[in-house]
C-alpha cells in the first residue's frame, strides 16, 4: 500500500499546493491572494 507521502509526490516532486514543513512533513501550503493585483502568493518557503 502506498503511503500518503508517496501519493503526494509526483515524479519526485511535490504536487502543487503542498510543501514540506520544518519537520520534513508534507503539509498543504497556505495560499493567500493579494487583492490589488490578483496574484497568488505562496507563504511556503522554497528550500
PDB file of N, CA and C in Angstrom:
ATOM      1  N   UNK A   1       0.842  -1.200   0.000  1.00  0.00           N
ATOM      2  CA  UNK A   1       0.000   0.000   0.000  1.00  0.00           C
ATOM      3  C   UNK A   1       0.874   1.245   0.000  1.00  0.00           C
ATOM      4  N   UNK A   2       0.558   2.156  -0.872  1.00  0.00           N
ATOM      5  CA  UNK A   2       1.343   3.391  -0.953  1.00  0.00           C
ATOM      6  C   UNK A   2       1.031   4.274   0.243  1.00  0.00           C
ATOM      7  N   UNK A   3       2.067   4.924   0.722  1.00  0.00           N
ATOM      8  CA  UNK A   3       1.846   5.824   1.851  1.00  0.00           C
ATOM      9  C   UNK A   3       1.292   7.140   1.352  1.00  0.00           C
ATOM     10  N   UNK A   4       0.755   7.901   2.275  1.00  0.00           N
ATOM     11  CA  UNK A   4       0.207   9.203   1.917  1.00  0.00           C
ATOM     12  C   UNK A   4       1.305  10.089   1.356  1.00  0.00           C
ATOM     13  N   UNK A   5       2.500   9.986   1.935  1.00  0.00           N
ATOM     14  CA  UNK A   5       3.622  10.806   1.486  1.00  0.00           C
ATOM     15  C   UNK A   5       3.942  10.515   0.022  1.00  0.00           C
ATOM     16  N   UNK A   6       3.914   9.236  -0.353  1.00  0.00           N
ATOM     17  CA  UNK A   6       4.213   8.882  -1.737  1.00  0.00           C
ATOM     18  C   UNK A   6       3.126   9.371  -2.685  1.00  0.00           C
ATOM     19  N   UNK A   7       1.886   9.338  -2.224  1.00  0.00           N
ATOM     20  CA  UNK A   7       0.783   9.802  -3.061  1.00  0.00           C
ATOM     21  C   UNK A   7       0.913  11.285  -3.402  1.00  0.00           C
ATOM     22  N   UNK A   8       1.454  12.056  -2.472  1.00  0.00           N
ATOM     23  CA  UNK A   8       1.564  13.495  -2.695  1.00  0.00           C
ATOM     24  C   UNK A   8       2.746  13.846  -3.584  1.00  0.00           C
ATOM     25  N   UNK A   9       3.644  12.874  -3.786  1.00  0.00           N
ATOM     26  CA  UNK A   9       4.801  13.142  -4.633  1.00  0.00           C
ATOM     27  C   UNK A   9       4.525  12.608  -6.029  1.00  0.00           C
ATOM     28  N   UNK A  10       4.713  13.441  -7.018  1.00  0.00           N
ATOM     29  CA  UNK A  10       4.554  13.003  -8.395  1.00  0.00           C
ATOM     30  C   UNK A  10       5.903  13.155  -9.084  1.00  0.00           C
ATOM     31  N   UNK A  11       6.469  12.054  -9.547  1.00  0.00           N
ATOM     32  CA  UNK A  11       7.769  12.057 -10.217  1.00  0.00           C
ATOM     33  C   UNK A  11       8.850  12.719  -9.371  1.00  0.00           C
ATOM     34  N   UNK A  12       8.840  12.455  -8.081  1.00  0.00           N
ATOM     35  CA  UNK A  12       9.882  13.000  -7.209  1.00  0.00           C
ATOM     36  C   UNK A  12       9.649  14.437  -6.790  1.00  0.00           C
ATOM     37  N   UNK A  13       8.598  15.053  -7.324  1.00  0.00           N
ATOM     38  CA  UNK A  13       8.284  16.434  -6.936  1.00  0.00           C
ATOM     39  C   UNK A  13       6.986  16.446  -6.155  1.00  0.00           C
ATOM     40  N   UNK A  14       6.849  17.434  -5.316  1.00  0.00           N
ATOM     41  CA  UNK A  14       5.598  17.552  -4.568  1.00  0.00           C
ATOM     42  C   UNK A  14       4.490  18.034  -5.487  1.00  0.00           C
ATOM     43  N   UNK A  15       3.300  17.542  -5.255  1.00  0.00           N
ATOM     44  CA  UNK A  15       2.158  18.045  -6.006  1.00  0.00           C
ATOM     45  C   UNK A  15       1.951  19.507  -5.681  1.00  0.00           C
ATOM     46  N   UNK A  16       1.358  20.214  -6.638  1.00  0.00           N
ATOM     47  CA  UNK A  16       1.080  21.630  -6.442  1.00  0.00           C
ATOM     48  C   UNK A  16       0.178  21.824  -5.229  1.00  0.00           C
ATOM     49  N   UNK A  17       0.499  22.810  -4.419  1.00  0.00           N
ATOM     50  CA  UNK A  17      -0.325  23.086  -3.249  1.00  0.00           C
ATOM     51  C   UNK A  17       0.168  22.403  -1.988  1.00  0.00           C
ATOM     52  N   UNK A  18       1.284  21.666  -2.108  1.00  0.00           N
ATOM     53  CA  UNK A  18       1.839  21.021  -0.923  1.00  0.00           C
ATOM     54  C   UNK A  18       3.276  21.463  -0.735  1.00  0.00           C
ATOM     55  N   UNK A  19       3.749  21.393   0.495  1.00  0.00           N
ATOM     56  CA  UNK A  19       5.121  21.773   0.798  1.00  0.00           C
ATOM     57  C   UNK A  19       5.607  20.949   1.981  1.00  0.00           C
ATOM     58  N   UNK A  20       6.908  21.037   2.224  1.00  0.00           N
ATOM     59  CA  UNK A  20       7.465  20.414   3.420  1.00  0.00           C
ATOM     60  C   UNK A  20       7.497  21.445   4.532  1.00  0.00           C
ATOM     61  N   UNK A  21       7.105  21.060   5.740  1.00  0.00           N
ATOM     62  CA  UNK A  21       7.245  21.986   6.858  1.00  0.00           C
ATOM     63  C   UNK A  21       8.616  21.792   7.489  1.00  0.00           C
ATOM     64  N   UNK A  22       8.870  22.508   8.568  1.00  0.00           N
ATOM     65  CA  UNK A  22      10.201  22.485   9.172  1.00  0.00           C
ATOM     66  C   UNK A  22      10.583  21.109   9.710  1.00  0.00           C
ATOM     67  N   UNK A  23       9.598  20.257   9.946  1.00  0.00           N
ATOM     68  CA  UNK A  23       9.892  18.909  10.431  1.00  0.00           C
ATOM     69  C   UNK A  23      10.038  17.892   9.305  1.00  0.00           C
ATOM     70  N   UNK A  24       9.941  18.369   8.069  1.00  0.00           N
ATOM     71  CA  UNK A  24      10.080  17.463   6.935  1.00  0.00           C
ATOM     72  C   UNK A  24       8.794  16.755   6.562  1.00  0.00           C
ATOM     73  N   UNK A  25       7.689  17.124   7.206  1.00  0.00           N
ATOM     74  CA  UNK A  25       6.405  16.519   6.865  1.00  0.00           C
ATOM     75  C   UNK A  25       5.757  17.289   5.728  1.00  0.00           C
ATOM     76  N   UNK A  26       4.990  16.588   4.922  1.00  0.00           N
ATOM     77  CA  UNK A  26       4.300  17.255   3.815  1.00  0.00           C
ATOM     78  C   UNK A  26       2.989  17.825   4.332  1.00  0.00           C
ATOM     79  N   UNK A  27       2.799  19.110   4.111  1.00  0.00           N
ATOM     80  CA  UNK A  27       1.571  19.770   4.546  1.00  0.00           C
ATOM     81  C   UNK A  27       1.024  20.593   3.390  1.00  0.00           C
ATOM     82  N   UNK A  28      -0.246  20.955   3.488  1.00  0.00           N
ATOM     83  CA  UNK A  28      -0.828  21.832   2.478  1.00  0.00           C
ATOM     84  C   UNK A  28      -0.245  23.220   2.633  1.00  0.00           C
ATOM     85  N   UNK A  29       0.199  23.788   1.539  1.00  0.00           N
ATOM     86  CA  UNK A  29       0.729  25.145   1.593  1.00  0.00           C
ATOM     87  C   UNK A  29      -0.433  26.119   1.710  1.00  0.00           C
ATOM     88  N   UNK A  30      -0.254  27.104   2.548  1.00  0.00           N
ATOM     89  CA  UNK A  30      -1.286  28.133   2.672  1.00  0.00           C
ATOM     90  C   UNK A  30      -1.110  29.122   1.531  1.00  0.00           C
ATOM     91  N   UNK A  31      -2.185  29.379   0.843  1.00  0.00           N
ATOM     92  CA  UNK A  31      -2.138  30.324  -0.272  1.00  0.00           C
ATOM     93  C   UNK A  31      -2.931  31.552   0.123  1.00  0.00           C
ATOM     94  N   UNK A  32      -2.326  32.702  -0.041  1.00  0.00           N
ATOM     95  CA  UNK A  32      -3.109  33.900   0.224  1.00  0.00           C
ATOM     96  C   UNK A  32      -3.127  34.740  -1.049  1.00  0.00           C
ATOM     97  N   UNK A  33      -4.246  35.354  -1.297  1.00  0.00           N
ATOM     98  CA  UNK A  33      -4.428  36.136  -2.506  1.00  0.00           C
ATOM     99  C   UNK A  33      -4.232  37.605  -2.190  1.00  0.00           C
ATOM    100  N   UNK A  34      -3.478  38.261  -3.044  1.00  0.00           N
ATOM    101  CA  UNK A  34      -3.340  39.707  -2.903  1.00  0.00           C
ATOM    102  C   UNK A  34      -4.402  40.328  -3.793  1.00  0.00           C
ATOM    103  N   UNK A  35      -5.315  41.033  -3.171  1.00  0.00           N
ATOM    104  CA  UNK A  35      -6.466  41.548  -3.903  1.00  0.00           C
ATOM    105  C   UNK A  35      -6.097  42.606  -4.926  1.00  0.00           C
ATOM    106  N   UNK A  36      -5.078  43.400  -4.622  1.00  0.00           N
ATOM    107  CA  UNK A  36      -4.803  44.529  -5.507  1.00  0.00           C
ATOM    108  C   UNK A  36      -4.344  44.117  -6.895  1.00  0.00           C
ATOM    109  N   UNK A  37      -3.564  43.026  -7.010  1.00  0.00           N
ATOM    110  CA  UNK A  37      -3.119  42.652  -8.352  1.00  0.00           C
ATOM    111  C   UNK A  37      -3.472  41.212  -8.710  1.00  0.00           C
ATOM    112  N   UNK A  38      -4.279  40.546  -7.872  1.00  0.00           N
ATOM    113  CA  UNK A  38      -4.804  39.212  -8.155  1.00  0.00           C
ATOM    114  C   UNK A  38      -3.713  38.163  -8.381  1.00  0.00           C
ATOM    115  N   UNK A  39      -2.552  38.364  -7.773  1.00  0.00           N
ATOM    116  CA  UNK A  39      -1.517  37.347  -7.901  1.00  0.00           C
ATOM    117  C   UNK A  39      -1.591  36.411  -6.708  1.00  0.00           C
ATOM    118  N   UNK A  40      -1.172  35.195  -6.929  1.00  0.00           N
ATOM    119  CA  UNK A  40      -1.185  34.207  -5.858  1.00  0.00           C
ATOM    120  C   UNK A  40       0.181  34.203  -5.196  1.00  0.00           C
ATOM    121  N   UNK A  41       0.189  34.349  -3.885  1.00  0.00           N
ATOM    122  CA  UNK A  41       1.445  34.357  -3.145  1.00  0.00           C
ATOM    123  C   UNK A  41       1.485  33.118  -2.269  1.00  0.00           C
ATOM    124  N   UNK A  42       2.526  32.331  -2.432  1.00  0.00           N
ATOM    125  CA  UNK A  42       2.690  31.165  -1.578  1.00  0.00           C
ATOM    126  C   UNK A  42       3.451  31.583  -0.345  1.00  0.00           C
ATOM    127  N   UNK A  43       2.869  31.324   0.809  1.00  0.00           N
ATOM    128  CA  UNK A  43       3.535  31.688   2.045  1.00  0.00           C
ATOM    129  C   UNK A  43       4.581  30.650   2.425  1.00  0.00           C
ATOM    130  N   UNK A  44       4.587  29.533   1.717  1.00  0.00           N
ATOM    131  CA  UNK A  44       5.575  28.493   1.998  1.00  0.00           C
ATOM    132  C   UNK A  44       6.935  28.918   1.466  1.00  0.00           C
ATOM    133  N   UNK A  45       7.957  28.696   2.265  1.00  0.00           N
ATOM    134  CA  UNK A  45       9.308  28.995   1.813  1.00  0.00           C
ATOM    135  C   UNK A  45       9.800  27.850   0.946  1.00  0.00           C
ATOM    136  N   UNK A  46      10.447  28.173  -0.148  1.00  0.00           N
ATOM    137  CA  UNK A  46      11.005  27.142  -1.023  1.00  0.00           C
ATOM    138  C   UNK A  46      12.448  26.905  -0.617  1.00  0.00           C
ATOM    139  N   UNK A  47      12.736  25.650  -0.303  1.00  0.00           N
ATOM    140  CA  UNK A  47      14.105  25.325   0.122  1.00  0.00           C
ATOM    141  C   UNK A  47      14.960  25.005  -1.077  1.00  0.00           C
TER     142      UNK A  47
END
